Protein backbone atom coordinates (compact mmCIF):
# COMPACT_ATOMS: atom_id res chain seq x y z
CA MET A 1 -22.80 -14.08 -11.37
CA LYS A 2 -20.83 -10.92 -10.71
CA GLU A 3 -19.07 -10.84 -7.35
CA LYS A 4 -20.14 -8.05 -5.02
CA SER A 5 -17.38 -5.52 -4.37
CA ILE A 6 -16.10 -5.08 -0.81
CA ILE A 7 -14.52 -1.64 -1.42
CA LYS A 8 -15.52 0.63 1.46
CA LYS A 9 -14.28 4.02 0.17
CA THR A 10 -12.90 5.00 3.57
CA THR A 11 -9.70 6.63 4.81
CA LEU A 12 -7.41 5.33 7.52
CA ILE A 13 -7.27 8.08 10.13
CA HIS A 14 -6.60 6.27 13.39
CA ASN A 15 -3.45 7.17 15.33
CA TYR A 16 -2.45 5.33 18.49
CA SER A 17 -2.63 6.87 21.93
CA LYS A 18 0.57 6.59 24.00
CA LEU A 19 -0.94 3.62 25.86
CA GLU A 20 -1.91 1.84 22.63
CA ALA A 21 1.54 2.49 21.14
CA TRP A 22 3.19 1.06 24.25
CA LEU A 23 0.90 -2.00 24.22
CA TYR A 24 1.45 -2.87 20.56
CA ASP A 25 5.17 -2.18 20.94
CA THR A 26 5.39 -4.53 23.92
CA ILE A 27 3.51 -7.29 22.09
CA ALA A 28 5.78 -6.92 19.05
CA ASN A 29 8.86 -7.19 21.29
CA ARG A 30 7.61 -10.53 22.60
CA ALA A 31 6.46 -11.88 19.23
CA SER A 32 9.73 -12.14 17.31
CA ASN A 33 9.36 -15.93 17.14
CA LEU A 34 5.96 -15.47 15.52
CA GLN A 35 7.28 -12.97 12.98
CA LEU A 36 10.04 -15.32 11.84
CA TYR A 37 7.56 -18.22 11.79
CA PHE A 38 5.43 -16.39 9.21
CA PHE A 39 8.45 -15.70 7.00
CA GLU A 40 9.41 -19.36 7.17
CA GLN A 41 5.87 -20.54 6.41
CA GLY A 42 5.68 -18.06 3.55
CA ASN A 43 8.96 -19.36 2.08
CA LEU A 44 10.62 -15.94 2.28
CA THR A 45 13.68 -16.89 4.34
CA ASN A 46 15.49 -18.40 1.35
CA ILE A 47 14.72 -15.31 -0.71
CA PHE A 48 16.00 -12.98 2.00
CA ALA A 49 19.15 -15.10 2.33
CA GLU A 50 20.17 -14.63 -1.31
CA VAL A 51 23.09 -12.24 -1.00
CA HIS A 52 22.24 -9.42 -3.35
CA GLU A 53 20.45 -6.18 -2.60
CA ARG A 54 16.70 -6.38 -2.31
CA TYR A 55 14.37 -3.47 -1.63
CA VAL A 56 11.90 -4.51 1.06
CA LEU A 57 8.79 -2.68 2.32
CA ASP A 58 7.31 -3.32 5.78
CA VAL A 59 3.71 -2.02 5.72
CA GLY A 60 2.49 -1.20 9.23
CA CYS A 61 5.97 -1.57 10.70
CA GLY A 62 4.98 -0.47 14.20
CA GLY A 63 8.04 0.00 16.39
CA GLY A 64 10.33 -1.46 13.75
CA GLN A 65 11.08 -4.76 15.51
CA THR A 66 10.54 -6.97 12.46
CA ALA A 67 12.53 -4.74 10.10
CA ILE A 68 15.41 -4.51 12.58
CA ARG A 69 15.40 -8.27 13.15
CA LEU A 70 15.57 -8.84 9.39
CA LYS A 71 18.48 -6.40 9.08
CA GLU A 72 20.33 -8.26 11.84
CA ILE A 73 19.95 -11.57 10.03
CA TYR A 74 20.21 -10.29 6.43
CA PRO A 75 22.35 -7.11 6.43
CA HIS A 76 22.26 -6.80 2.62
CA LEU A 77 18.52 -5.97 2.62
CA SER A 78 17.46 -2.37 2.00
CA ILE A 79 14.38 -2.02 4.22
CA THR A 80 11.76 0.73 4.41
CA GLY A 81 9.04 0.70 7.06
CA ILE A 82 5.83 2.74 7.04
CA ASP A 83 3.23 3.27 9.73
CA LEU A 84 0.48 5.83 10.30
CA SER A 85 1.41 6.27 13.96
CA GLU A 86 3.94 9.01 14.67
CA LEU A 87 4.69 7.40 18.04
CA MET A 88 5.49 4.06 16.43
CA ILE A 89 7.73 5.61 13.79
CA ALA A 90 9.58 7.54 16.52
CA ARG A 91 10.12 4.27 18.42
CA ALA A 92 11.34 2.54 15.24
CA ARG A 93 13.85 5.31 14.51
CA LYS A 94 15.22 5.27 18.06
CA ARG A 95 15.67 1.50 17.96
CA THR A 96 17.47 1.77 14.63
CA GLN A 97 19.83 4.44 15.93
CA ARG A 98 20.70 2.33 18.97
CA LYS A 99 21.54 -0.59 16.68
CA GLY A 100 23.55 1.59 14.31
CA PHE A 101 21.60 0.29 11.30
CA VAL A 102 20.61 2.12 8.14
CA LEU A 103 16.84 1.67 7.79
CA LYS A 104 14.17 4.03 6.51
CA PHE A 105 11.02 4.66 8.55
CA GLN A 106 8.33 7.14 7.58
CA ILE A 107 4.77 8.08 8.44
CA ALA A 108 2.44 6.92 5.67
CA ASP A 109 -1.00 5.45 5.03
CA ALA A 110 -1.10 1.80 3.94
CA GLN A 111 -4.06 2.70 1.74
CA ALA A 112 -2.12 5.40 -0.14
CA LEU A 113 1.53 4.31 -0.23
CA PRO A 114 3.85 7.21 -1.19
CA PHE A 115 5.98 5.19 -3.61
CA PRO A 116 6.05 4.80 -7.40
CA ASP A 117 4.75 1.65 -9.05
CA GLU A 118 7.06 -1.37 -8.84
CA SER A 119 9.45 0.06 -6.24
CA PHE A 120 10.09 -3.03 -4.07
CA ASP A 121 11.30 -6.61 -4.48
CA VAL A 122 9.45 -7.77 -1.36
CA VAL A 123 6.39 -6.26 0.34
CA TYR A 124 5.19 -7.70 3.63
CA SER A 125 2.79 -6.79 6.42
CA LEU A 126 2.47 -8.72 9.66
CA GLY A 127 -0.54 -7.99 11.87
CA SER A 128 -1.47 -4.66 10.32
CA VAL A 129 -4.24 -5.46 7.83
CA LYS A 130 -6.92 -5.61 10.54
CA HIS A 131 -6.36 -1.88 11.14
CA TRP A 132 -7.08 -0.96 7.50
CA PRO A 133 -10.70 0.24 7.01
CA ASP A 134 -10.52 -0.94 3.39
CA PRO A 135 -8.31 -4.05 3.15
CA LEU A 136 -8.92 -4.31 -0.60
CA LEU A 137 -7.48 -0.83 -1.16
CA GLY A 138 -4.50 -1.49 1.12
CA ILE A 139 -3.65 -4.81 -0.52
CA ALA A 140 -4.06 -3.24 -3.97
CA GLU A 141 -1.50 -0.61 -2.93
CA CYS A 142 0.93 -3.32 -1.78
CA TRP A 143 0.48 -5.00 -5.17
CA ARG A 144 1.02 -1.73 -7.04
CA VAL A 145 4.40 -0.92 -5.46
CA LEU A 146 5.67 -4.50 -5.88
CA LYS A 147 8.00 -5.17 -8.81
CA GLN A 148 7.16 -7.78 -11.43
CA GLY A 149 8.51 -11.05 -10.10
CA GLY A 150 8.46 -9.60 -6.58
CA GLU A 151 7.24 -11.37 -3.46
CA LEU A 152 4.17 -10.44 -1.39
CA LEU A 153 3.40 -11.72 2.12
CA LEU A 154 0.55 -10.45 4.28
CA THR A 155 -0.83 -12.09 7.39
CA ASP A 156 -3.20 -11.14 10.17
CA ASN A 157 -6.00 -12.43 12.38
CA ILE A 158 -9.28 -13.85 11.10
CA SER A 159 -12.69 -13.73 12.75
CA ASP A 160 -13.46 -17.41 12.11
CA ALA A 161 -10.52 -18.56 14.22
CA THR A 162 -11.18 -21.20 16.87
CA ARG A 163 -10.08 -20.87 20.48
CA GLU A 164 -7.68 -23.76 19.96
CA GLN A 165 -6.01 -21.90 17.09
CA VAL A 166 -5.65 -18.77 19.22
CA ILE A 167 -3.90 -20.85 21.90
CA ARG A 168 -1.55 -22.24 19.23
CA PHE A 169 -0.82 -18.67 18.11
CA TYR A 170 -0.01 -17.69 21.71
CA GLU A 171 2.32 -20.66 22.17
CA ILE A 172 4.29 -20.11 18.96
CA ALA A 173 4.73 -16.44 19.89
CA GLY A 174 6.42 -17.56 23.10
CA PHE A 175 4.25 -15.53 25.45
CA PRO A 176 4.35 -16.47 29.18
CA LYS A 177 2.59 -19.77 29.92
CA LEU A 178 1.34 -18.45 33.26
CA PHE A 179 -1.04 -16.00 31.55
CA LYS A 180 -2.10 -18.22 28.64
CA LYS A 181 -5.72 -18.81 29.65
CA PRO A 182 -6.78 -15.22 30.50
CA VAL A 183 -4.75 -13.58 27.74
CA THR A 184 -5.92 -15.93 24.98
CA SER A 185 -9.51 -15.35 26.09
CA ILE A 186 -9.03 -11.58 25.75
CA MET A 187 -7.23 -11.99 22.41
CA TYR A 188 -10.05 -14.14 21.08
CA LYS A 189 -12.67 -11.52 21.93
CA ARG A 190 -10.73 -8.33 21.12
CA MET A 191 -8.25 -9.27 18.37
CA PHE A 192 -9.87 -12.11 16.45
CA ARG A 193 -13.66 -11.91 16.60
CA PRO A 194 -13.77 -8.29 15.24
CA ALA A 195 -11.40 -9.16 12.37
CA CYS A 196 -12.42 -10.16 8.82
CA PRO A 197 -13.18 -13.81 7.94
CA MET A 198 -11.06 -15.88 5.58
CA GLU A 199 -13.57 -15.40 2.78
CA THR A 200 -12.77 -11.67 2.69
CA TYR A 201 -9.21 -12.42 1.59
CA TYR A 202 -10.23 -15.01 -0.96
CA GLN A 203 -12.54 -12.40 -2.43
CA ILE A 204 -9.83 -9.71 -2.47
CA ALA A 205 -7.44 -12.02 -4.30
CA ARG A 206 -10.12 -12.74 -6.90
CA GLN A 207 -10.99 -9.05 -7.35
CA LEU A 208 -7.32 -8.14 -7.83
CA LYS A 209 -6.89 -11.08 -10.23
CA MET A 210 -3.99 -12.50 -8.26
CA PRO A 211 -2.57 -15.96 -8.99
CA LEU A 212 -4.51 -19.00 -7.80
CA GLY A 213 -3.39 -20.22 -4.38
CA THR A 214 -2.50 -16.73 -3.15
CA VAL A 215 -4.65 -17.05 -0.01
CA SER A 216 -4.41 -19.85 2.52
CA GLN A 217 -4.76 -20.49 6.23
CA LEU A 218 -1.75 -21.82 8.10
CA GLN A 219 -2.47 -25.18 9.67
CA PHE A 220 -3.62 -24.89 13.29
CA MET A 221 -3.23 -21.09 13.17
CA PRO A 222 -5.91 -18.35 13.52
CA THR A 223 -4.52 -16.28 10.66
CA PHE A 224 -4.76 -15.87 6.90
CA LEU A 225 -1.63 -16.03 4.75
CA PHE A 226 -1.69 -13.86 1.65
CA ARG A 227 1.42 -15.08 -0.17
CA THR A 228 2.23 -14.82 -3.86
CA GLN A 229 4.67 -13.65 -6.51
CA LYS A 230 3.72 -10.86 -8.89
CA PRO A 231 3.69 -12.26 -12.43
CA LEU A 232 6.09 -10.99 -15.05
CA SER A 233 4.50 -8.97 -17.82
CA SER A 234 3.67 -10.94 -20.94
CA PHE A 235 4.46 -7.91 -23.13
């Protein structure tokens, strides 16, 4: 039986208001533990630590916190971040200047990445996929710009998360314990329930003919993990 396509044929046009940009920026500032946790769970830390130049793409980089943190830990990485929000890219560039780092940030659509095929050794996206109207198209773009043998890691919320998993997410992120109950309740309703279910990502991996085992759910976490290596060509 042929699997029904989930392509939506839509364009990502949303740009954050100043309040939204500030909110997402603030959350990202507090979630550095969570960002590193996903890299560790996705077995990327050893790859980043190998001391030779790697070209890395951060899709939906927001205010640049993750890219900057990676550059602090692994200065040999050549990192490019893209985001559709002008405000977020401006914040990322200011942060980079203050640190004195050399990072590239540009305004771009995750569903139409402005890079040639096979441009990057690592492509990752943390918490951005839920904003893509067509996640299949966005993930296909990430796959397109990834080199053969390159590493892909995507993670974001899922709608079939339990409240207990959302609490675990909050605790690993290191958010204030005082606000755990009200904030996790809001997160559950606003950030998780409207997201896609796990099955969506299993289906995307099948439609893009990605290696078996690409999609998983981290234990006790309300997120999908889309983690794989792009196969080398057999030709």
